[in-house]
PDB file of N, CA and C in Angstrom:
ATOM      1  N   MET A   1       4.125  16.491  10.661  1.00  0.00           N
ATOM      2  CA  MET A   1       4.323  15.764  10.455  1.00  0.00           C
ATOM      3  C   MET A   1       2.510  15.741   9.988  1.00  0.00           C
ATOM      4  N   ALA A   2       2.263  14.830   9.507  1.00  0.00           N
ATOM      5  CA  ALA A   2       0.798  14.014   9.062  1.00  0.00           C
ATOM      6  C   ALA A   2       0.755  13.133   9.891  1.00  0.00           C
ATOM      7  N   THR A   3      -0.786  13.565  10.489  1.00  0.00           N
ATOM      8  CA  THR A   3      -1.195  12.698  11.027  1.00  0.00           C
ATOM      9  C   THR A   3      -2.017  11.288  10.769  1.00  0.00           C
ATOM     10  N   ARG A   4      -2.123  10.401  11.492  1.00  0.00           N
ATOM     11  CA  ARG A   4      -2.574   9.219  10.889  1.00  0.00           C
ATOM     12  C   ARG A   4      -3.113   9.091   9.904  1.00  0.00           C
ATOM     13  N   GLU A   5      -4.818   9.877  10.823  1.00  0.00           N
ATOM     14  CA  GLU A   5      -6.043  10.117   9.665  1.00  0.00           C
ATOM     15  C   GLU A   5      -6.094  10.473   8.432  1.00  0.00           C
ATOM     16  N   LYS A   6      -4.975  11.520   8.312  1.00  0.00           N
ATOM     17  CA  LYS A   6      -5.109  12.821   7.328  1.00  0.00           C
ATOM     18  C   LYS A   6      -4.188  11.315   5.969  1.00  0.00           C
ATOM     19  N   ARG A   7      -3.040  10.586   6.331  1.00  0.00           N
ATOM     20  CA  ARG A   7      -2.673  10.107   5.460  1.00  0.00           C
ATOM     21  C   ARG A   7      -3.501   8.853   4.936  1.00  0.00           C
ATOM     22  N   LEU A   8      -4.247   8.057   6.141  1.00  0.00           N
ATOM     23  CA  LEU A   8      -5.254   6.840   5.526  1.00  0.00           C
ATOM     24  C   LEU A   8      -6.204   7.767   4.702  1.00  0.00           C
ATOM     25  N   ALA A   9      -6.787   9.039   5.102  1.00  0.00           N
ATOM     26  CA  ALA A   9      -7.660   9.853   3.973  1.00  0.00           C
ATOM     27  C   ALA A   9      -7.006  10.098   2.339  1.00  0.00           C
ATOM     28  N   GLN A  10      -5.991   9.833   2.230  1.00  0.00           N
ATOM     29  CA  GLN A  10      -5.394   9.924   0.880  1.00  0.00           C
ATOM     30  C   GLN A  10      -5.704   8.782   0.307  1.00  0.00           C
ATOM     31  N   PHE A  11      -6.108   7.709   0.594  1.00  0.00           N
ATOM     32  CA  PHE A  11      -5.892   6.464   0.116  1.00  0.00           C
ATOM     33  C   PHE A  11      -7.078   5.820   0.675  1.00  0.00           C
ATOM     34  N   ASP A  12      -7.898   5.927  -0.974  1.00  0.00           N
ATOM     35  CA  ASP A  12      -9.265   5.411  -1.046  1.00  0.00           C
ATOM     36  C   ASP A  12      -9.786   4.336  -1.204  1.00  0.00           C
ATOM     37  N   GLY A  13      -8.575   3.398  -1.697  1.00  0.00           N
ATOM     38  CA  GLY A  13      -9.088   2.000  -1.710  1.00  0.00           C
ATOM     39  C   GLY A  13      -9.806   1.244  -1.026  1.00  0.00           C
ATOM     40  N   GLU A  14     -10.927   0.629  -1.547  1.00  0.00           N
ATOM     41  CA  GLU A  14     -11.802  -0.324  -0.834  1.00  0.00           C
ATOM     42  C   GLU A  14     -11.334  -1.892  -1.460  1.00  0.00           C
ATOM     43  N   GLY A  15     -11.572  -2.177  -0.090  1.00  0.00           N
ATOM     44  CA  GLY A  15     -11.398  -4.348  -0.362  1.00  0.00           C
ATOM     45  C   GLY A  15      -9.861  -4.180  -0.445  1.00  0.00           C
ATOM     46  N   ALA A  16      -9.756  -4.911  -1.291  1.00  0.00           N
ATOM     47  CA  ALA A  16      -8.645  -5.547  -2.204  1.00  0.00           C
ATOM     48  C   ALA A  16      -8.838  -4.803  -3.710  1.00  0.00           C
ATOM     49  N   PRO A  17      -7.274  -4.813  -4.184  1.00  0.00           N
ATOM     50  CA  PRO A  17      -7.538  -4.426  -5.485  1.00  0.00           C
ATOM     51  C   PRO A  17      -7.436  -5.814  -6.443  1.00  0.00           C
ATOM     52  N   PRO A  18      -7.618  -5.440  -7.498  1.00  0.00           N
ATOM     53  CA  PRO A  18      -7.537  -6.335  -8.685  1.00  0.00           C
ATOM     54  C   PRO A  18      -6.132  -6.703  -8.024  1.00  0.00           C
ATOM     55  N   PRO A  19      -5.745  -8.482  -8.689  1.00  0.00           N
ATOM     56  CA  PRO A  19      -4.362  -8.310  -8.754  1.00  0.00           C
ATOM     57  C   PRO A  19      -3.349  -7.752  -9.779  1.00  0.00           C
ATOM     58  N   ASP A  20      -3.928  -8.122 -11.231  1.00  0.00           N
ATOM     59  CA  ASP A  20      -3.123  -7.188 -12.182  1.00  0.00           C
ATOM     60  C   ASP A  20      -2.944  -5.985 -11.602  1.00  0.00           C
ATOM     61  N   LEU A  21      -3.333  -5.268 -10.726  1.00  0.00           N
ATOM     62  CA  LEU A  21      -3.438  -3.785 -10.327  1.00  0.00           C
ATOM     63  C   LEU A  21      -2.427  -2.923  -9.984  1.00  0.00           C
ATOM     64  N   PRO A  22      -1.709  -2.744 -10.107  1.00  0.00           N
ATOM     65  CA  PRO A  22      -0.575  -1.899  -9.232  1.00  0.00           C
ATOM     66  C   PRO A  22      -0.938  -0.521  -8.542  1.00  0.00           C
ATOM     67  N   VAL A  23      -0.652  -1.018  -7.438  1.00  0.00           N
ATOM     68  CA  VAL A  23      -0.995   0.656  -6.572  1.00  0.00           C
ATOM     69  C   VAL A  23      -0.208   0.919  -5.379  1.00  0.00           C
ATOM     70  N   GLN A  24      -0.446   1.903  -5.216  1.00  0.00           N
ATOM     71  CA  GLN A  24       0.503   2.575  -4.027  1.00  0.00           C
ATOM     72  C   GLN A  24      -0.147   1.894  -2.453  1.00  0.00           C
ATOM     73  N   VAL A  25       0.463   2.009  -1.462  1.00  0.00           N
ATOM     74  CA  VAL A  25       0.524   1.284  -0.381  1.00  0.00           C
ATOM     75  C   VAL A  25       0.965   2.366   0.613  1.00  0.00           C
ATOM     76  N   LEU A  26       0.138   2.089   1.969  1.00  0.00           N
ATOM     77  CA  LEU A  26       0.404   2.968   2.594  1.00  0.00           C
ATOM     78  C   LEU A  26       0.813   1.972   4.693  1.00  0.00           C
ATOM     79  N   CYS A  27       1.402   2.190   4.983  1.00  0.00           N
ATOM     80  CA  CYS A  27       2.242   0.896   5.874  1.00  0.00           C
ATOM     81  C   CYS A  27       2.138   1.789   7.797  1.00  0.00           C
ATOM     82  N   GLU A  28       2.025   0.668   8.516  1.00  0.00           N
ATOM     83  CA  GLU A  28       2.235   1.591   9.787  1.00  0.00           C
ATOM     84  C   GLU A  28       3.466   0.665  10.334  1.00  0.00           C
ATOM     85  N   ASP A  29       3.655   0.842  11.076  1.00  0.00           N
ATOM     86  CA  ASP A  29       4.695   0.646  12.434  1.00  0.00           C
ATOM     87  C   ASP A  29       5.055   0.954  13.616  1.00  0.00           C
ATOM     88  N   GLN A  30       5.654   0.728  14.397  1.00  0.00           N
ATOM     89  CA  GLN A  30       5.543   1.731  15.937  1.00  0.00           C
ATOM     90  C   GLN A  30       6.232   2.407  15.963  1.00  0.00           C
ATOM     91  N   SER A  31       6.691   3.211  14.299  1.00  0.00           N
ATOM     92  CA  SER A  31       6.683   4.570  14.354  1.00  0.00           C
ATOM     93  C   SER A  31       5.920   5.496  14.150  1.00  0.00           C
ATOM     94  N   GLY A  32       5.147   4.795  13.141  1.00  0.00           N
ATOM     95  CA  GLY A  32       4.266   5.511  12.572  1.00  0.00           C
ATOM     96  C   GLY A  32       3.627   4.950  11.200  1.00  0.00           C
ATOM     97  N   THR A  33       2.810   5.895  10.129  1.00  0.00           N
ATOM     98  CA  THR A  33       2.715   5.364   8.425  1.00  0.00           C
ATOM     99  C   THR A  33       3.596   6.088   8.123  1.00  0.00           C
ATOM    100  N   TYR A  34       3.684   5.116   6.161  1.00  0.00           N
ATOM    101  CA  TYR A  34       4.922   5.848   5.465  1.00  0.00           C
ATOM    102  C   TYR A  34       4.320   5.187   4.730  1.00  0.00           C
ATOM    103  N   GLU A  35       4.489   5.743   3.451  1.00  0.00           N
ATOM    104  CA  GLU A  35       4.319   5.152   1.936  1.00  0.00           C
ATOM    105  C   GLU A  35       5.576   4.610   1.507  1.00  0.00           C
ATOM    106  N   LEU A  36       5.243   3.291   0.798  1.00  0.00           N
ATOM    107  CA  LEU A  36       6.524   2.491  -0.394  1.00  0.00           C
ATOM    108  C   LEU A  36       6.679   3.200  -0.997  1.00  0.00           C
ATOM    109  N   PRO A  37       7.959   3.140  -1.440  1.00  0.00           N
ATOM    110  CA  PRO A  37       8.405   4.475  -2.705  1.00  0.00           C
ATOM    111  C   PRO A  37       8.085   3.736  -4.200  1.00  0.00           C
ATOM    112  N   PHE A  38       7.597   2.057  -3.917  1.00  0.00           N
ATOM    113  CA  PHE A  38       7.442   1.261  -5.212  1.00  0.00           C
ATOM    114  C   PHE A  38       5.685   1.089  -5.121  1.00  0.00           C
ATOM    115  N   ALA A  39       5.270   0.508  -6.305  1.00  0.00           N
ATOM    116  CA  ALA A  39       4.243  -0.104  -6.572  1.00  0.00           C
ATOM    117  C   ALA A  39       4.258  -1.540  -5.974  1.00  0.00           C
ATOM    118  N   CYS A  40       2.876  -1.691  -5.467  1.00  0.00           N
ATOM    119  CA  CYS A  40       2.955  -3.595  -5.018  1.00  0.00           C
ATOM    120  C   CYS A  40       1.419  -3.638  -5.974  1.00  0.00           C
ATOM    121  N   ARG A  41       1.712  -5.161  -5.606  1.00  0.00           N
ATOM    122  CA  ARG A  41       0.310  -5.856  -5.910  1.00  0.00           C
ATOM    123  C   ARG A  41      -0.498  -6.877  -4.991  1.00  0.00           C
ATOM    124  N   PHE A  42      -1.740  -6.848  -4.888  1.00  0.00           N
ATOM    125  CA  PHE A  42      -2.481  -7.515  -3.629  1.00  0.00           C
ATOM    126  C   PHE A  42      -2.558  -8.988  -4.418  1.00  0.00           C
ATOM    127  N   VAL A  43      -1.843 -10.099  -4.063  1.00  0.00           N
ATOM    128  CA  VAL A  43      -2.266 -11.360  -5.154  1.00  0.00           C
ATOM    129  C   VAL A  43      -2.580 -12.629  -3.939  1.00  0.00           C
ATOM    130  N   ASP A  44      -3.005 -13.607  -4.240  1.00  0.00           N
ATOM    131  CA  ASP A  44      -3.194 -14.347  -3.255  1.00  0.00           C
ATOM    132  C   ASP A  44      -3.092 -14.093  -2.041  1.00  0.00           C
ATOM    133  N   GLY A  45      -3.205 -12.831  -1.124  1.00  0.00           N
ATOM    134  CA  GLY A  45      -3.888 -12.612  -0.315  1.00  0.00           C
ATOM    135  C   GLY A  45      -2.977 -11.897   0.565  1.00  0.00           C
ATOM    136  N   ALA A  46      -1.634 -11.853  -0.407  1.00  0.00           N
ATOM    137  CA  ALA A  46       0.018 -11.003   0.511  1.00  0.00           C
ATOM    138  C   ALA A  46       0.277 -10.217  -0.860  1.00  0.00           C
ATOM    139  N   TRP A  47       0.522  -9.264  -0.090  1.00  0.00           N
ATOM    140  CA  TRP A  47       0.937  -7.870  -0.783  1.00  0.00           C
ATOM    141  C   TRP A  47       2.812  -8.175  -1.441  1.00  0.00           C
ATOM    142  N   HIS A  48       2.370  -7.913  -2.568  1.00  0.00           N
ATOM    143  CA  HIS A  48       3.971  -8.081  -3.487  1.00  0.00           C
ATOM    144  C   HIS A  48       4.302  -6.977  -3.628  1.00  0.00           C
ATOM    145  N   ASN A  49       5.931  -6.583  -3.975  1.00  0.00           N
ATOM    146  CA  ASN A  49       6.774  -5.489  -4.525  1.00  0.00           C
ATOM    147  C   ASN A  49       6.058  -5.797  -6.013  1.00  0.00           C
ATOM    148  N   HIS A  50       5.677  -5.106  -7.115  1.00  0.00           N
ATOM    149  CA  HIS A  50       4.728  -4.949  -8.370  1.00  0.00           C
ATOM    150  C   HIS A  50       5.863  -4.996  -9.095  1.00  0.00           C
ATOM    151  N   GLU A  51       7.000  -4.817  -8.969  1.00  0.00           N
ATOM    152  CA  GLU A  51       8.551  -4.860  -9.680  1.00  0.00           C
ATOM    153  C   GLU A  51       9.571  -6.065  -9.519  1.00  0.00           C
ATOM    154  N   SER A  52       9.692  -6.255  -8.237  1.00  0.00           N
ATOM    155  CA  SER A  52      10.787  -7.951  -8.079  1.00  0.00           C
ATOM    156  C   SER A  52       9.884  -8.633  -7.529  1.00  0.00           C
ATOM    157  N   GLY A  53       8.118  -8.637  -7.706  1.00  0.00           N
ATOM    158  CA  GLY A  53       7.652  -9.613  -6.857  1.00  0.00           C
ATOM    159  C   GLY A  53       7.862 -10.280  -5.949  1.00  0.00           C
ATOM    160  N   GLY A  54       8.651  -9.839  -5.117  1.00  0.00           N
ATOM    161  CA  GLY A  54       8.623  -9.856  -3.532  1.00  0.00           C
ATOM    162  C   GLY A  54       7.533  -9.761  -2.525  1.00  0.00           C
ATOM    163  N   THR A  55       7.800 -10.816  -1.387  1.00  0.00           N
ATOM    164  CA  THR A  55       6.473 -10.817  -0.711  1.00  0.00           C
ATOM    165  C   THR A  55       6.605  -9.605   0.701  1.00  0.00           C
ATOM    166  N   LEU A  56       5.907  -8.835   0.588  1.00  0.00           N
ATOM    167  CA  LEU A  56       6.147  -7.524   1.285  1.00  0.00           C
ATOM    168  C   LEU A  56       5.777  -7.861   3.098  1.00  0.00           C
ATOM    169  N   GLU A  57       6.986  -7.360   3.802  1.00  0.00           N
ATOM    170  CA  GLU A  57       6.671  -8.038   5.342  1.00  0.00           C
ATOM    171  C   GLU A  57       6.232  -6.692   5.951  1.00  0.00           C
ATOM    172  N   ALA A  58       5.843  -5.072   5.243  1.00  0.00           N
ATOM    173  CA  ALA A  58       5.551  -4.535   5.958  1.00  0.00           C
ATOM    174  C   ALA A  58       3.473  -4.727   5.928  1.00  0.00           C
ATOM    175  N   ASN A  59       3.595  -3.570   7.117  1.00  0.00           N
ATOM    176  CA  ASN A  59       2.013  -4.072   7.883  1.00  0.00           C
ATOM    177  C   ASN A  59       0.830  -2.879   6.638  1.00  0.00           C
ATOM    178  N   VAL A  60       0.675  -3.009   5.620  1.00  0.00           N
ATOM    179  CA  VAL A  60      -0.573  -2.575   4.903  1.00  0.00           C
ATOM    180  C   VAL A  60      -1.119  -2.098   5.657  1.00  0.00           C
ATOM    181  N   VAL A  61      -1.455  -0.334   5.721  1.00  0.00           N
ATOM    182  CA  VAL A  61      -3.338  -0.511   5.939  1.00  0.00           C
ATOM    183  C   VAL A  61      -3.997   0.122   5.277  1.00  0.00           C
ATOM    184  N   ALA A  62      -3.483   0.890   3.657  1.00  0.00           N
ATOM    185  CA  ALA A  62      -4.145   1.009   2.944  1.00  0.00           C
ATOM    186  C   ALA A  62      -3.723   1.356   1.533  1.00  0.00           C
ATOM    187  N   TRP A  63      -4.475   1.264   0.924  1.00  0.00           N
ATOM    188  CA  TRP A  63      -3.731   1.418  -0.972  1.00  0.00           C
ATOM    189  C   TRP A  63      -4.943   2.074  -1.703  1.00  0.00           C
ATOM    190  N   ARG A  64      -3.900   2.638  -2.469  1.00  0.00           N
ATOM    191  CA  ARG A  64      -5.022   3.762  -3.668  1.00  0.00           C
ATOM    192  C   ARG A  64      -4.518   3.399  -5.138  1.00  0.00           C
ATOM    193  N   ARG A  65      -4.570   4.093  -6.240  1.00  0.00           N
ATOM    194  CA  ARG A  65      -4.440   3.925  -7.442  1.00  0.00           C
ATOM    195  C   ARG A  65      -3.325   4.664  -7.297  1.00  0.00           C
ATOM    196  N   ARG A  66      -1.859   4.228  -8.181  1.00  0.00           N
ATOM    197  CA  ARG A  66      -0.891   5.249  -8.599  1.00  0.00           C
ATOM    198  C   ARG A  66      -1.363   6.894  -8.526  1.00  0.00           C
ATOM    199  N   ARG A  67      -0.748   7.071  -8.476  1.00  0.00           N
ATOM    200  CA  ARG A  67      -0.650   8.289  -9.406  1.00  0.00           C
ATOM    201  C   ARG A  67       0.345   8.843 -10.303  1.00  0.00           C
ATOM    202  N   ASN A  68       0.448   9.755 -11.155  1.00  0.00           N
ATOM    203  CA  ASN A  68       1.228   9.390 -12.447  1.00  0.00           C
ATOM    204  C   ASN A  68       1.789  10.630 -12.508  1.00  0.00           C
TER     205      ASN A  68
END
């Protein structure tokens, strides 16, 4: 199992991404860290599912540009 530090090191986004940039996010809960399987956008201070536009209820701790 990857440690929190190793997972955070894989996500190199700093600050907030541009609102039009779909990114991968790393979230955290009481069980640990996990990557969401869909792209997200940060708009008006909140994280949203890029496809559905729905607001995330997860605690996002890091982001990175999507990998192709």
